[in-house]
N, C-alpha and C. Protein backbone atom coordinates (compact mmCIF):
# COMPACT_ATOMS: atom_id res chain seq x y z
N MET A 1 97.39 121.87 85.20
CA MET A 1 98.62 122.76 85.43
C MET A 1 99.92 121.83 85.25
N GLU A 2 101.15 122.45 84.66
CA GLU A 2 102.18 121.72 84.51
C GLU A 2 102.94 122.05 85.84
N VAL A 3 103.53 121.15 86.34
CA VAL A 3 104.76 121.39 87.40
C VAL A 3 106.07 121.75 86.83
N THR A 4 106.35 122.83 87.27
CA THR A 4 107.61 123.27 86.70
C THR A 4 108.82 122.98 87.53
N SER A 5 110.13 123.18 87.21
CA SER A 5 111.24 122.82 88.04
C SER A 5 111.23 123.89 89.13
N LYS A 6 110.94 125.20 88.82
CA LYS A 6 111.02 126.08 89.92
C LYS A 6 109.71 125.75 90.84
N HIS A 7 108.88 125.38 90.46
CA HIS A 7 107.72 124.77 91.44
C HIS A 7 108.37 123.69 92.33
N ASN A 8 108.79 122.88 91.68
CA ASN A 8 109.43 121.70 92.54
C ASN A 8 110.56 122.01 93.42
N GLU A 9 111.31 123.00 93.06
CA GLU A 9 112.27 123.58 93.97
C GLU A 9 111.68 124.35 95.03
N ARG A 10 110.67 125.16 94.98
CA ARG A 10 109.87 125.79 95.92
C ARG A 10 109.38 124.75 97.04
N MET A 11 108.89 123.83 96.42
CA MET A 11 108.28 122.77 97.36
C MET A 11 109.42 122.15 98.36
N ALA A 12 110.54 121.71 97.56
CA ALA A 12 111.55 121.38 98.37
C ALA A 12 112.00 122.30 99.61
N SER A 13 112.14 123.76 99.33
CA SER A 13 112.64 124.55 100.20
C SER A 13 111.59 125.11 101.17
N LEU A 14 110.45 124.74 100.89
CA LEU A 14 109.27 125.19 101.92
C LEU A 14 109.44 124.35 103.29
N THR A 15 109.22 125.06 104.33
CA THR A 15 109.40 124.43 105.93
C THR A 15 108.11 123.68 106.21
N PHE A 16 108.32 122.74 106.58
CA PHE A 16 106.94 122.09 107.48
C PHE A 16 106.48 123.07 108.56
N ALA A 17 107.25 123.56 109.10
CA ALA A 17 106.96 124.50 110.15
C ALA A 17 106.06 125.81 109.57
N SER A 18 106.19 126.25 108.35
CA SER A 18 105.50 127.35 107.89
C SER A 18 104.11 126.93 107.35
N VAL A 19 103.94 125.66 106.99
CA VAL A 19 102.69 125.30 106.41
C VAL A 19 101.75 124.48 107.42
N TYR A 20 102.37 124.12 108.58
CA TYR A 20 101.72 123.27 109.63
C TYR A 20 100.64 124.28 110.32
N PRO A 21 100.83 125.34 110.46
CA PRO A 21 99.61 126.42 111.17
C PRO A 21 98.59 126.48 109.96
N HIS A 22 98.65 126.40 108.88
CA HIS A 22 97.73 126.69 107.74
C HIS A 22 96.78 125.37 107.74
N TYR A 23 97.64 124.35 107.81
CA TYR A 23 96.85 122.96 108.04
C TYR A 23 95.76 123.01 109.25
N VAL A 24 96.45 123.34 110.40
CA VAL A 24 95.78 123.44 111.70
C VAL A 24 94.29 124.35 111.48
N THR A 25 94.77 125.61 110.82
CA THR A 25 93.47 126.66 110.74
C THR A 25 92.48 126.11 109.70
N LYS A 26 92.92 125.40 108.81
CA LYS A 26 92.09 124.80 107.80
C LYS A 26 91.21 123.65 108.45
N ILE A 27 91.70 122.80 109.06
CA ILE A 27 90.94 121.85 109.66
C ILE A 27 90.11 122.06 110.93
N GLU A 28 90.55 123.10 111.89
CA GLU A 28 89.81 123.60 112.99
C GLU A 28 88.63 124.23 112.37
N LYS A 29 88.83 125.03 111.34
CA LYS A 29 87.67 125.86 110.87
C LYS A 29 86.50 125.00 110.48
N LYS A 30 86.63 123.71 110.28
CA LYS A 30 85.74 122.92 109.62
C LYS A 30 85.49 121.84 110.83
N GLY A 31 85.71 122.35 112.01
CA GLY A 31 85.32 121.35 113.15
C GLY A 31 86.19 120.02 113.34
N ARG A 32 87.20 120.00 112.84
CA ARG A 32 88.24 118.73 112.93
C ARG A 32 89.27 119.10 113.95
N SER A 33 89.99 118.03 114.62
CA SER A 33 90.96 118.31 115.76
C SER A 33 92.24 118.14 115.24
N GLN A 34 93.19 118.66 116.13
CA GLN A 34 94.59 118.68 115.77
C GLN A 34 95.16 117.25 115.95
N GLU A 35 94.38 116.37 116.74
CA GLU A 35 94.70 115.02 116.92
C GLU A 35 94.49 114.14 115.66
N GLU A 36 93.27 114.72 114.88
CA GLU A 36 92.98 113.97 113.74
C GLU A 36 94.07 114.38 112.58
N LEU A 37 94.49 115.67 112.64
CA LEU A 37 95.63 115.90 111.90
C LEU A 37 96.85 115.13 112.20
N HIS A 38 97.29 114.91 113.38
CA HIS A 38 98.42 114.22 113.77
C HIS A 38 98.17 112.92 113.13
N ARG A 39 97.22 112.39 113.36
CA ARG A 39 96.86 111.06 113.06
C ARG A 39 97.04 110.85 111.43
N VAL A 40 96.63 111.82 110.55
CA VAL A 40 96.83 111.67 109.13
C VAL A 40 98.30 111.86 108.77
N ILE A 41 98.75 112.71 109.55
CA ILE A 41 100.38 112.96 109.06
C ILE A 41 101.08 111.82 109.55
N GLU A 42 100.77 111.02 110.76
CA GLU A 42 101.55 109.98 111.02
C GLU A 42 101.04 108.86 110.07
N TRP A 43 100.02 108.61 109.51
CA TRP A 43 99.57 107.62 108.51
C TRP A 43 100.42 107.67 107.46
N LEU A 44 100.58 109.04 106.84
CA LEU A 44 101.45 109.19 105.75
C LEU A 44 102.92 109.07 105.90
N THR A 45 103.47 109.55 106.88
CA THR A 45 104.93 109.60 107.03
C THR A 45 105.51 108.67 108.10
N GLY A 46 104.54 108.15 109.07
CA GLY A 46 105.27 107.27 110.07
C GLY A 46 105.72 108.08 111.25
N PHE A 47 105.50 109.58 111.15
CA PHE A 47 105.95 110.51 112.32
C PHE A 47 104.87 110.42 113.28
N ASP A 48 105.20 110.05 114.51
CA ASP A 48 104.38 110.46 115.81
C ASP A 48 104.26 111.96 116.00
N VAL A 49 103.37 112.37 116.86
CA VAL A 49 103.20 113.83 117.39
C VAL A 49 104.71 114.24 117.78
N VAL A 50 105.44 113.59 118.71
CA VAL A 50 106.68 114.17 119.17
C VAL A 50 107.65 114.35 117.87
N LYS A 51 107.75 113.50 116.98
CA LYS A 51 108.65 113.75 115.75
C LYS A 51 108.08 114.88 114.86
N GLN A 52 106.66 115.00 114.85
CA GLN A 52 106.33 116.12 114.06
C GLN A 52 106.79 117.38 114.67
N GLN A 53 106.54 117.46 116.06
CA GLN A 53 106.72 118.71 116.76
C GLN A 53 108.47 118.97 116.58
N GLU A 54 109.22 117.85 116.77
CA GLU A 54 110.55 118.00 116.42
C GLU A 54 110.78 118.59 115.19
N LEU A 55 110.38 118.16 114.04
CA LEU A 55 110.60 118.85 112.84
C LEU A 55 110.30 119.92 112.67
N ILE A 56 108.85 120.56 113.46
CA ILE A 56 108.59 121.81 113.26
C ILE A 56 109.65 122.86 113.96
N ALA A 57 110.23 122.19 115.26
CA ALA A 57 111.14 122.88 115.88
C ALA A 57 112.46 123.12 115.11
N LYS A 58 112.84 122.20 114.40
CA LYS A 58 114.04 122.26 113.73
C LYS A 58 113.79 123.05 112.34
N ASN A 59 112.66 123.33 111.93
CA ASN A 59 112.36 124.24 110.76
C ASN A 59 112.84 123.38 109.48
N ALA A 60 112.54 121.95 109.79
CA ALA A 60 112.76 121.20 108.62
C ALA A 60 112.06 121.52 107.06
N THR A 61 112.93 121.38 106.11
CA THR A 61 112.24 121.86 104.94
C THR A 61 111.46 120.55 104.40
N PHE A 62 110.64 120.45 103.53
CA PHE A 62 109.95 119.30 102.96
C PHE A 62 110.77 118.30 102.64
N GLU A 63 112.00 118.82 101.83
CA GLU A 63 112.81 117.97 101.33
C GLU A 63 113.35 116.82 102.46
N THR A 64 113.76 117.67 103.65
CA THR A 64 114.25 116.94 104.72
C THR A 64 113.10 116.21 105.36
N PHE A 65 111.85 116.56 105.43
CA PHE A 65 110.75 115.93 106.10
C PHE A 65 110.57 114.62 105.62
N PHE A 66 110.43 114.79 104.13
CA PHE A 66 110.04 113.56 103.47
C PHE A 66 111.17 112.39 103.34
N GLN A 67 112.65 112.94 103.26
CA GLN A 67 113.58 112.12 103.07
C GLN A 67 113.82 111.29 104.62
N GLN A 68 113.21 111.86 105.59
CA GLN A 68 112.98 111.02 106.81
C GLN A 68 111.85 110.15 107.14
N ALA A 69 111.18 110.52 106.36
CA ALA A 69 109.70 109.55 106.27
C ALA A 69 109.57 108.24 105.78
N GLN A 70 108.83 107.35 106.34
CA GLN A 70 108.49 106.38 105.85
C GLN A 70 107.22 106.33 105.34
N LEU A 71 107.10 106.53 104.10
CA LEU A 71 105.87 106.83 103.20
C LEU A 71 105.12 105.55 103.60
N ASN A 72 103.71 105.58 103.94
CA ASN A 72 102.68 104.46 103.83
C ASN A 72 102.65 104.11 102.25
N PRO A 73 102.76 102.62 102.35
CA PRO A 73 102.53 101.88 101.20
C PRO A 73 101.34 102.08 100.36
N ASN A 74 100.38 102.59 101.07
CA ASN A 74 98.95 102.95 100.44
C ASN A 74 98.83 104.42 100.00
N ALA A 75 100.02 105.12 100.12
CA ALA A 75 100.03 106.53 99.68
C ALA A 75 99.79 106.69 98.34
N THR A 76 100.20 105.51 97.37
CA THR A 76 99.88 105.90 96.10
C THR A 76 98.35 105.59 95.74
N LEU A 77 97.44 105.57 96.65
CA LEU A 77 96.08 105.25 96.50
C LEU A 77 95.37 106.67 96.62
N ILE A 78 96.21 107.77 97.14
CA ILE A 78 95.88 108.95 96.93
C ILE A 78 95.88 109.64 95.61
N LYS A 79 94.67 109.97 95.18
CA LYS A 79 94.56 110.28 93.71
C LYS A 79 93.56 111.82 93.80
N GLY A 80 93.46 112.35 92.68
CA GLY A 80 92.71 113.58 92.63
C GLY A 80 93.39 114.68 92.40
N VAL A 81 92.77 115.87 92.46
CA VAL A 81 93.29 117.16 92.08
C VAL A 81 93.41 117.95 93.51
N ILE A 82 94.64 118.55 93.49
CA ILE A 82 94.85 119.39 94.79
C ILE A 82 95.73 120.63 94.45
N CYS A 83 95.30 121.78 94.76
CA CYS A 83 95.88 123.15 94.19
C CYS A 83 96.01 123.10 92.83
N GLY A 84 95.32 122.60 91.76
CA GLY A 84 95.20 122.57 90.44
C GLY A 84 96.01 121.68 89.82
N TYR A 85 96.66 120.70 90.61
CA TYR A 85 97.51 119.59 90.20
C TYR A 85 96.86 118.45 90.43
N ARG A 86 96.97 117.48 89.35
CA ARG A 86 96.45 116.07 89.27
C ARG A 86 97.57 115.23 90.05
N ILE A 87 97.33 114.93 91.32
CA ILE A 87 98.59 114.23 91.93
C ILE A 87 99.11 112.93 91.21
N GLU A 88 98.42 112.15 90.71
CA GLU A 88 99.01 110.82 89.85
C GLU A 88 99.87 111.18 88.72
N GLU A 89 99.66 112.60 88.38
CA GLU A 89 100.49 113.07 87.12
C GLU A 89 101.71 113.56 87.32
N ILE A 90 102.12 114.22 88.66
CA ILE A 90 103.13 114.89 89.19
C ILE A 90 104.36 113.77 88.98
N GLU A 91 105.29 114.20 88.47
CA GLU A 91 106.39 113.35 88.24
C GLU A 91 107.40 113.69 89.21
N ASN A 92 107.76 114.51 89.85
CA ASN A 92 108.71 114.88 90.72
C ASN A 92 108.06 114.09 92.26
N PRO A 93 109.07 113.29 92.60
CA PRO A 93 108.50 112.44 93.77
C PRO A 93 108.32 113.37 95.11
N LEU A 94 109.11 114.12 95.17
CA LEU A 94 108.91 115.07 96.29
C LEU A 94 107.63 115.94 96.34
N THR A 95 107.58 116.72 95.19
CA THR A 95 106.28 117.49 94.94
C THR A 95 104.94 116.64 95.24
N ARG A 96 104.99 115.17 94.63
CA ARG A 96 103.92 114.45 94.92
C ARG A 96 103.61 113.97 96.22
N LYS A 97 104.72 113.91 96.97
CA LYS A 97 104.42 113.65 98.52
C LYS A 97 103.81 114.91 99.06
N VAL A 98 104.35 115.85 98.88
CA VAL A 98 103.72 117.17 99.44
C VAL A 98 102.42 117.03 99.12
N ARG A 99 102.08 117.11 97.92
CA ARG A 99 100.74 117.10 97.44
C ARG A 99 99.73 116.03 98.11
N TYR A 100 100.48 114.76 98.46
CA TYR A 100 99.58 113.77 99.29
C TYR A 100 99.12 114.38 100.41
N LEU A 101 100.14 115.02 101.06
CA LEU A 101 99.92 115.55 102.52
C LEU A 101 98.82 116.64 102.24
N ASP A 102 98.97 117.55 101.37
CA ASP A 102 97.79 118.39 101.16
C ASP A 102 96.44 118.11 100.92
N LYS A 103 96.52 116.67 100.06
CA LYS A 103 95.28 116.17 99.63
C LYS A 103 94.55 115.60 100.98
N LEU A 104 95.36 114.96 101.89
CA LEU A 104 95.00 114.44 103.21
C LEU A 104 94.15 115.46 103.91
N VAL A 105 94.93 116.51 104.28
CA VAL A 105 94.64 117.67 104.92
C VAL A 105 93.19 118.24 104.49
N ASP A 106 93.16 118.30 103.22
CA ASP A 106 91.80 118.74 102.43
C ASP A 106 90.87 117.94 102.83
N GLU A 107 91.01 116.57 102.50
CA GLU A 107 90.04 115.53 102.78
C GLU A 107 89.36 115.77 104.21
N LEU A 108 90.23 115.81 105.25
CA LEU A 108 90.07 115.97 106.71
C LEU A 108 89.12 117.12 106.76
N ALA A 109 89.61 118.34 106.16
CA ALA A 109 88.97 119.57 106.31
C ALA A 109 87.42 119.36 105.58
N LYS A 110 87.33 118.63 104.59
CA LYS A 110 85.94 118.58 104.00
C LYS A 110 85.04 117.60 104.92
N GLY A 111 85.54 117.00 105.89
CA GLY A 111 84.71 116.29 106.59
C GLY A 111 84.71 114.66 106.23
N ARG A 112 85.51 114.33 105.45
CA ARG A 112 85.71 112.76 105.04
C ARG A 112 86.03 112.03 106.16
N LYS A 113 85.37 110.79 106.26
CA LYS A 113 85.39 109.74 107.04
C LYS A 113 87.04 109.45 107.37
N MET A 114 87.47 109.22 108.59
CA MET A 114 88.95 109.05 108.89
C MET A 114 89.41 107.57 108.03
N GLU A 115 88.23 106.68 107.97
CA GLU A 115 88.74 105.55 107.36
C GLU A 115 88.87 105.58 105.95
N LYS A 116 88.09 106.53 105.31
CA LYS A 116 88.37 106.82 103.79
C LYS A 116 89.68 107.65 103.53
N ILE A 117 90.10 108.66 104.52
CA ILE A 117 91.12 109.45 104.37
C ILE A 117 92.48 108.40 104.35
N LEU A 118 92.27 107.52 105.64
CA LEU A 118 93.40 106.72 105.62
C LEU A 118 93.59 105.41 104.71
N ARG A 119 92.76 105.34 103.82
CA ARG A 119 92.59 104.33 102.73
C ARG A 119 92.37 103.07 103.47
N VAL A 120 91.74 102.90 104.54
CA VAL A 120 91.75 101.54 105.29
C VAL A 120 90.58 100.54 104.39
C-alpha cells in the first residue's frame, strides 16, 4: 500500500488517548497485561507510566506524543508489515513511528516474548 499525504495528516492528528484503549483491549484479549503494554511503550518512547497517563489526559496527538518522545535507538530494528504497510518503506517519520508502536503492540498481542519485542 502507498502512504498518502492524507494518511500522514490523519496519523498526526490522531490522539494517543483515542488509540490507547484499543491497544489495551487487543493485548488483554490475548492474555497480556497493561504492565507489559506500558513497558513496550516506555521502551519505544522513554515515557514511564505517569507520562503515558499524562499524555492521555492531555489528549495529545501522535504528533505531540512523538515530538516529546526519546525514540529508542533500536526502533529501526522494527520491521515488517502492519496495517498493510511495510514499516521500513514508510517515508514520513511520524507515520513510521506510529507504525512502530502499532507493530510492537501487535507482537505483544501475538504472544511474542518480551526480549524479542524489545529487540534485546
